[in-house]
Amino acid sequence: METNIDDMNSKLIKYIKDLKKVLIAFSGGVDSTFLLMAAKEALGKNMKAITIAAP
């Protein structure tokens, strides 16, 4: 079964919108960057991202 990347992205955006607010743990990697951009698109100011420095 072939999955359309645009359909998957739309489903992710809808899922995030349904959450109303989110906090993203941002590591700077590809996965968290993609999720951060999706959350920003879905929620605008109703999302926050954090990065924590660890020893």
Foldseek 3Di string as FASTA:
>chain_A
DDDDPVVVLVVLLVVLLVVQAEEQAAPPDPVSVVNVVSNCVNHPPRYHYDYDDDD
